[in-house]
Amino acid sequence: MQYFKKTLKYLIIILAYFSFYNINAINFQTEDVYKITIVSSKNYKPTVDALLKNLHESKYNVKIIYLSNKPLKILSTDLVISLGRTSTKKAFEHLFKTHNSEVTIQYKSPALLSVLIPKFQYEKYLEEIKKLKYDLPKDQGFFSAIYREQPISRILESIQEIFPKVKNIGVLISNYDKSVLKALNQETKKRDLNLILTKNQYSHTLIKSLIKTLEQCDILLALPDPNIFNPFTSKGIFVSSFRRGVPVFGYTKTYVDAGAVAAIYSTPAQIAKQLVDTINVFFKNSHKLPRVSSPKYFSLAKNKKILNLLDSVKPQGESIKNLENKKLKELNNNE
């Protein structure tokens, strides 16, 4: 009998041990591990690296796909993050395929967050999605974006802080986003500024359109319009503006280094920080993405050399254009 009691005691201890072990094993297995797939080109690698640095590895299972000539394959995942226009195009085509059936079907693909894309591109894709025969969530939490463009209000506020006396804002565009132009009109009127808007459709008329704009404005605001500002045209625009004494307000730090007076932009680390915020909201909000937004975190870069030149004429209330004209007159008198 004593032997039986002893055996039973050990058996109870063993059962208790394994019960405890199994419960912990179950808890461990059911602990949420979120699956994220990042689709990107190598150009956005600094942003990808900054994002990975800020995500808790134990909580997220992250797969990175850098674009190549091979067809894009996105396997089981909760969230797809596409960086840039090309990545968004490929991810969109992969996730939102048109099906042949005439019957509306349930959308079962993962959510798509497009990062650093133009506003017009997101709205174009949104319209395309509506045409597909999918039973889509009404809140559109399956597809959102962080725009490439900085808010117009933020840009104009920075311009007025640096140049309180600036009145005429010059903008050169091609077929740019109408909603951005609407915001430009509204924000300039709100701040009692004059908007000098010049449209240019052809590459051979760009310089002519630029000169027309520079003759009427105090500062030239560069927008991320690839038909106007690109690696082939930027240098010519900076040279022409500098010769006419009109400062350029850019949208990247590279432009400040190249001769722009200042620029509002978001660094890879700042975009990554916003991405972490968005990812956390997504998984806490039943896998629903927040609404589209502009870059939340940003930096202001200034060209001190040009600003010092401007500061030297502020007491006289002169513009940089007047200063350059004076310099030219002095040079002519010395010849």
Protein backbone atom coordinates (compact mmCIF):
# COMPACT_ATOMS: atom_id res chain seq x y z
CA MET A 1 0.00 0.00 0.00
CA GLN A 2 2.81 2.35 0.88
CA TYR A 3 4.50 1.53 -2.42
CA PHE A 4 1.27 2.31 -4.26
CA LYS A 5 0.90 5.69 -2.50
CA LYS A 6 4.49 6.59 -3.31
CA THR A 7 4.03 5.63 -6.96
CA LEU A 8 0.80 7.64 -7.17
CA LYS A 9 2.57 10.67 -5.66
CA TYR A 10 5.31 10.54 -8.30
CA LEU A 11 2.69 10.06 -11.01
CA ILE A 12 0.80 13.16 -9.89
CA ILE A 13 4.04 15.19 -9.88
CA ILE A 14 4.89 13.99 -13.40
CA LEU A 15 1.38 14.76 -14.69
CA ALA A 16 1.47 18.21 -13.09
CA TYR A 17 4.86 18.90 -14.72
CA PHE A 18 3.68 17.90 -18.17
CA SER A 19 0.42 19.80 -17.77
CA PHE A 20 2.35 22.94 -16.90
CA TYR A 21 4.74 22.38 -19.80
CA ASN A 22 1.91 21.84 -22.29
CA ILE A 23 0.03 24.93 -21.14
CA ASN A 24 3.15 27.03 -21.59
CA ALA A 25 3.78 25.44 -24.96
CA ILE A 26 0.24 26.30 -26.07
CA ASN A 27 0.60 29.86 -24.81
CA PHE A 28 3.89 30.19 -26.65
CA GLN A 29 2.44 28.88 -29.87
CA THR A 30 -0.63 31.13 -29.73
CA GLU A 31 1.43 34.26 -29.06
CA ASP A 32 0.89 36.65 -31.98
CA VAL A 33 3.66 36.80 -34.54
CA TYR A 34 2.72 39.28 -37.24
CA LYS A 35 3.71 38.63 -40.85
CA ILE A 36 4.89 41.56 -42.96
CA THR A 37 6.18 41.55 -46.54
CA ILE A 38 8.17 44.54 -47.80
CA VAL A 39 8.39 45.11 -51.57
CA SER A 40 11.05 47.62 -52.55
CA SER A 41 13.73 48.61 -55.01
CA LYS A 42 17.33 48.95 -53.84
CA ASN A 43 16.88 52.75 -53.89
CA TYR A 44 14.82 52.52 -50.72
CA LYS A 45 17.17 50.19 -48.85
CA PRO A 46 18.06 52.89 -46.24
CA THR A 47 14.35 53.15 -45.37
CA VAL A 48 14.02 49.35 -45.19
CA ASP A 49 17.10 49.12 -42.94
CA ALA A 50 15.77 51.87 -40.65
CA LEU A 51 12.41 50.11 -40.42
CA LEU A 52 13.96 46.76 -39.49
CA LYS A 53 16.06 48.47 -36.84
CA ASN A 54 12.93 49.87 -35.17
CA LEU A 55 10.73 46.75 -35.33
CA HIS A 56 10.83 44.16 -32.53
CA GLU A 57 12.13 41.02 -34.25
CA SER A 58 10.35 38.65 -31.85
CA LYS A 59 6.98 40.21 -32.61
CA TYR A 60 7.23 40.50 -36.39
CA ASN A 61 8.11 38.04 -39.11
CA VAL A 62 9.39 40.31 -41.89
CA LYS A 63 10.17 39.19 -45.42
CA ILE A 64 11.91 41.59 -47.81
CA ILE A 65 11.51 41.33 -51.58
CA TYR A 66 13.77 43.55 -53.67
CA LEU A 67 12.51 44.00 -57.20
CA SER A 68 14.15 42.03 -59.98
CA ASN A 69 13.30 40.70 -63.43
CA LYS A 70 11.55 37.72 -61.83
CA PRO A 71 7.76 37.80 -61.33
CA LEU A 72 6.69 39.07 -57.93
CA LYS A 73 5.51 36.34 -55.55
CA ILE A 74 3.91 37.31 -52.26
CA LEU A 75 3.14 34.31 -50.06
CA SER A 76 1.14 34.12 -46.83
CA THR A 77 1.34 37.49 -45.07
CA ASP A 78 -0.82 39.94 -43.09
CA LEU A 79 0.50 43.20 -44.50
CA VAL A 80 2.35 44.21 -47.67
CA ILE A 81 4.39 47.43 -47.58
CA SER A 82 5.47 48.75 -50.99
CA LEU A 83 8.09 51.49 -51.17
CA GLY A 84 7.96 53.81 -54.18
CA ARG A 85 5.96 53.93 -57.41
CA THR A 86 7.38 50.85 -59.16
CA SER A 87 7.03 48.60 -56.11
CA THR A 88 3.47 49.80 -55.58
CA LYS A 89 2.59 49.08 -59.21
CA LYS A 90 3.91 45.52 -59.01
CA ALA A 91 2.36 44.83 -55.59
CA PHE A 92 -0.97 46.25 -56.72
CA GLU A 93 -1.03 44.11 -59.87
CA HIS A 94 -0.15 41.02 -57.84
CA LEU A 95 -2.73 41.54 -55.08
CA PHE A 96 -5.66 43.02 -56.98
CA LYS A 97 -5.87 40.72 -59.99
CA THR A 98 -8.97 40.95 -62.13
CA HIS A 99 -10.82 37.66 -61.97
CA ASN A 100 -12.74 36.24 -64.93
CA SER A 101 -15.95 35.50 -63.05
CA GLU A 102 -18.92 37.84 -63.42
CA VAL A 103 -19.86 37.14 -59.82
CA THR A 104 -18.59 39.41 -57.05
CA ILE A 105 -16.11 37.53 -54.85
CA GLN A 106 -14.75 38.16 -51.36
CA TYR A 107 -11.42 40.01 -51.20
CA LYS A 108 -9.03 37.81 -49.21
CA SER A 109 -5.63 39.28 -50.03
CA PRO A 110 -3.50 41.03 -47.39
CA ALA A 111 -3.69 44.76 -46.81
CA LEU A 112 -1.42 47.00 -48.91
CA LEU A 113 0.36 50.07 -47.54
CA SER A 114 2.00 52.13 -50.30
CA VAL A 115 4.77 54.43 -49.13
CA LEU A 116 6.30 57.49 -50.81
CA ILE A 117 3.97 57.52 -53.80
CA PRO A 118 2.29 60.58 -55.36
CA LYS A 119 -1.24 61.28 -54.21
CA PHE A 120 -2.63 61.01 -57.73
CA GLN A 121 -1.19 57.50 -58.12
CA TYR A 122 -2.92 56.25 -54.97
CA GLU A 123 -6.24 57.77 -56.08
CA LYS A 124 -5.84 56.19 -59.53
CA TYR A 125 -5.35 52.72 -57.99
CA LEU A 126 -8.30 53.29 -55.66
CA GLU A 127 -10.52 53.95 -58.68
CA GLU A 128 -9.23 50.79 -60.36
CA ILE A 129 -10.02 48.72 -57.28
CA LYS A 130 -13.61 49.97 -57.27
CA LYS A 131 -14.06 48.63 -60.82
CA LEU A 132 -12.98 45.12 -59.84
CA LYS A 133 -15.60 42.56 -58.88
CA TYR A 134 -14.58 42.23 -55.26
CA ASP A 135 -16.68 42.42 -52.13
CA LEU A 136 -14.49 45.06 -50.49
CA PRO A 137 -14.53 46.39 -46.94
CA LYS A 138 -16.39 49.72 -46.79
CA ASP A 139 -13.78 51.40 -44.58
CA GLN A 140 -11.00 50.91 -47.20
CA GLY A 141 -8.70 49.72 -44.41
CA PHE A 142 -7.20 47.19 -46.84
CA PHE A 143 -5.38 49.82 -48.93
CA SER A 144 -3.72 53.01 -47.68
CA ALA A 145 -0.71 55.20 -48.37
CA ILE A 146 1.90 57.54 -46.97
CA TYR A 147 2.26 60.17 -49.67
CA ARG A 148 5.54 61.34 -51.12
CA GLU A 149 4.47 65.00 -51.06
CA GLN A 150 4.89 67.22 -48.04
CA PRO A 151 1.73 69.17 -47.10
CA ILE A 152 1.49 72.49 -48.96
CA SER A 153 0.66 74.27 -45.69
CA ARG A 154 3.90 73.00 -44.15
CA ILE A 155 5.96 74.17 -47.14
CA LEU A 156 4.45 77.67 -47.32
CA GLU A 157 4.77 78.09 -43.54
CA SER A 158 8.51 77.34 -43.81
CA ILE A 159 8.93 79.74 -46.74
CA GLN A 160 7.26 82.55 -44.78
CA GLU A 161 9.37 81.84 -41.70
CA ILE A 162 12.57 82.11 -43.72
CA PHE A 163 11.37 84.93 -46.02
CA PRO A 164 8.74 87.03 -44.21
CA LYS A 165 8.64 89.59 -47.06
CA VAL A 166 8.13 87.12 -49.90
CA LYS A 167 4.87 87.80 -51.74
CA ASN A 168 4.97 86.02 -55.09
CA ILE A 169 5.37 82.22 -55.14
CA GLY A 170 6.35 80.81 -58.53
CA VAL A 171 5.42 77.23 -59.47
CA LEU A 172 6.26 75.48 -62.73
CA ILE A 173 4.25 72.34 -63.51
CA SER A 174 3.27 69.93 -66.30
CA ASN A 175 0.23 67.66 -65.78
CA TYR A 176 0.40 67.78 -62.02
CA ASP A 177 -2.09 66.50 -59.47
CA LYS A 178 -5.17 68.75 -59.48
CA SER A 179 -5.81 68.27 -55.77
CA VAL A 180 -2.29 69.56 -54.96
CA LEU A 181 -2.86 72.59 -57.19
CA LYS A 182 -6.16 73.20 -55.43
CA ALA A 183 -4.35 73.10 -52.09
CA LEU A 184 -1.74 75.52 -53.45
CA ASN A 185 -4.43 78.01 -54.45
CA GLN A 186 -6.21 77.72 -51.11
CA GLU A 187 -3.09 77.95 -48.95
CA THR A 188 -1.54 80.90 -50.84
CA LYS A 189 -4.80 82.87 -50.57
CA LYS A 190 -5.05 82.03 -46.87
CA ARG A 191 -1.56 83.47 -46.35
CA ASP A 192 -2.14 86.51 -48.59
CA LEU A 193 0.42 85.26 -51.13
CA ASN A 194 0.28 85.49 -54.92
CA LEU A 195 0.59 82.20 -56.80
CA ILE A 196 2.42 82.50 -60.13
CA LEU A 197 1.51 79.21 -61.80
CA THR A 198 3.00 78.32 -65.18
CA LYS A 199 2.10 75.14 -67.05
CA ASN A 200 4.63 73.56 -69.37
CA GLN A 201 3.76 70.53 -71.51
CA TYR A 202 6.87 70.04 -73.66
CA SER A 203 10.56 69.63 -72.85
CA HIS A 204 11.68 72.07 -75.57
CA THR A 205 9.61 74.90 -74.01
CA LEU A 206 10.77 74.31 -70.42
CA ILE A 207 13.40 77.08 -70.26
CA LYS A 208 11.03 79.58 -71.87
CA SER A 209 8.32 78.72 -69.31
CA LEU A 210 10.88 78.89 -66.49
CA ILE A 211 12.09 82.37 -67.47
CA LYS A 212 8.48 83.58 -67.71
CA THR A 213 7.87 82.35 -64.14
CA LEU A 214 11.13 83.75 -62.74
CA GLU A 215 10.33 87.22 -64.09
CA GLN A 216 7.18 87.35 -61.95
CA CYS A 217 8.07 85.57 -58.70
CA ASP A 218 10.17 86.21 -55.57
CA ILE A 219 10.85 82.52 -54.96
CA LEU A 220 10.44 79.39 -57.08
CA LEU A 221 8.76 76.46 -55.35
CA ALA A 222 9.89 73.10 -56.74
CA LEU A 223 7.30 70.32 -56.70
CA PRO A 224 8.11 66.63 -57.32
CA ASP A 225 6.93 66.81 -60.93
CA PRO A 226 9.25 64.49 -62.93
CA ASN A 227 8.46 66.31 -66.18
CA ILE A 228 9.87 69.53 -64.71
CA PHE A 229 12.44 68.47 -62.10
CA ASN A 230 14.53 65.45 -63.05
CA PRO A 231 18.28 64.62 -63.36
CA PHE A 232 18.36 66.14 -66.87
CA THR A 233 16.64 69.45 -66.09
CA SER A 234 17.38 70.34 -62.44
CA LYS A 235 20.84 71.79 -63.03
CA GLY A 236 19.59 74.10 -65.80
CA ILE A 237 16.71 75.30 -63.61
CA PHE A 238 19.06 76.08 -60.71
CA VAL A 239 21.50 77.96 -62.96
CA SER A 240 18.75 80.01 -64.62
CA SER A 241 17.16 80.85 -61.26
CA PHE A 242 20.50 81.81 -59.71
CA ARG A 243 21.36 84.11 -62.62
CA ARG A 244 18.06 85.91 -62.19
CA GLY A 245 18.43 86.15 -58.42
CA VAL A 246 15.39 84.02 -57.59
CA PRO A 247 15.92 81.44 -54.81
CA VAL A 248 14.53 77.92 -55.26
CA PHE A 249 12.72 76.11 -52.45
CA GLY A 250 13.21 72.37 -53.01
CA TYR A 251 11.76 69.09 -51.79
CA THR A 252 14.96 67.07 -51.16
CA LYS A 253 18.21 67.74 -49.33
CA THR A 254 20.02 66.94 -52.58
CA TYR A 255 18.49 70.07 -54.09
CA VAL A 256 19.77 72.16 -51.19
CA ASP A 257 23.26 70.78 -51.79
CA ALA A 258 22.83 71.62 -55.48
CA GLY A 259 21.80 75.23 -54.89
CA ALA A 260 18.26 75.45 -53.51
CA VAL A 261 17.88 77.90 -50.64
CA ALA A 262 16.01 75.38 -48.47
CA ALA A 263 13.87 72.24 -48.59
CA ILE A 264 11.31 70.34 -46.55
CA TYR A 265 11.87 66.60 -46.73
CA SER A 266 11.61 63.37 -44.74
CA THR A 267 14.65 61.20 -44.06
CA PRO A 268 14.58 57.38 -44.34
CA ALA A 269 14.66 57.21 -40.52
CA GLN A 270 11.66 59.55 -40.25
CA ILE A 271 9.65 57.56 -42.81
CA ALA A 272 10.60 54.36 -40.96
CA LYS A 273 9.38 55.86 -37.68
CA GLN A 274 6.02 56.68 -39.24
CA LEU A 275 5.86 53.17 -40.71
CA VAL A 276 6.34 51.63 -37.26
CA ASP A 277 3.48 53.81 -35.96
CA THR A 278 1.26 52.69 -38.86
CA ILE A 279 2.15 49.01 -38.45
CA ASN A 280 1.28 49.12 -34.75
CA VAL A 281 -2.08 50.77 -35.51
CA PHE A 282 -2.79 48.15 -38.20
CA PHE A 283 -2.30 45.14 -35.95
CA LYS A 284 -4.06 46.74 -32.97
CA ASN A 285 -6.99 47.76 -35.17
CA SER A 286 -8.05 44.29 -36.38
CA HIS A 287 -5.78 44.41 -39.43
CA LYS A 288 -7.20 47.71 -40.72
CA LEU A 289 -4.89 50.40 -42.05
CA PRO A 290 -5.31 54.04 -40.97
CA ARG A 291 -6.34 56.67 -43.51
CA VAL A 292 -3.88 58.02 -46.07
CA SER A 293 -1.49 60.66 -44.80
CA SER A 294 1.42 62.91 -45.70
CA PRO A 295 4.85 62.38 -44.12
CA LYS A 296 4.39 62.94 -40.39
CA TYR A 297 8.01 63.54 -39.42
CA PHE A 298 10.19 65.90 -41.47
CA SER A 299 13.34 67.99 -41.62
CA LEU A 300 14.15 71.46 -42.89
CA ALA A 301 17.48 71.84 -44.68
CA LYS A 302 18.89 75.30 -45.36
CA ASN A 303 21.62 76.52 -47.67
CA LYS A 304 23.55 78.77 -45.30
CA LYS A 305 25.64 80.31 -48.08
CA ILE A 306 22.60 81.64 -49.93
CA LEU A 307 20.81 82.58 -46.71
CA ASN A 308 23.81 84.64 -45.56
CA LEU A 309 23.71 86.44 -48.88
CA LEU A 310 20.01 87.18 -48.33
CA ASP A 311 20.55 88.29 -44.71
CA SER A 312 23.05 90.87 -45.89
CA VAL A 313 20.35 92.73 -47.81
CA LYS A 314 17.43 92.37 -45.38
CA PRO A 315 18.04 95.69 -43.58
CA GLN A 316 17.66 97.53 -46.88
CA GLY A 317 14.50 95.56 -47.67
CA GLU A 318 15.94 94.38 -50.95
CA SER A 319 15.31 91.03 -52.63
CA ILE A 320 17.98 88.70 -53.90
CA LYS A 321 16.91 89.70 -57.42
CA ASN A 322 17.73 93.37 -56.69
CA LEU A 323 21.05 92.33 -55.16
CA GLU A 324 22.04 90.39 -58.27
CA ASN A 325 21.07 93.34 -60.47
CA LYS A 326 23.29 95.59 -58.35
CA LYS A 327 26.19 93.17 -58.70
CA LEU A 328 25.78 93.08 -62.47
CA LYS A 329 25.68 96.91 -62.56
CA GLU A 330 28.84 97.12 -60.45
CA LEU A 331 30.62 94.68 -62.75
CA ASN A 332 29.62 96.69 -65.80
CA ASN A 333 30.85 99.93 -64.21
CA ASN A 334 34.24 98.35 -63.39
CA GLU A 335 34.84 97.16 -66.93
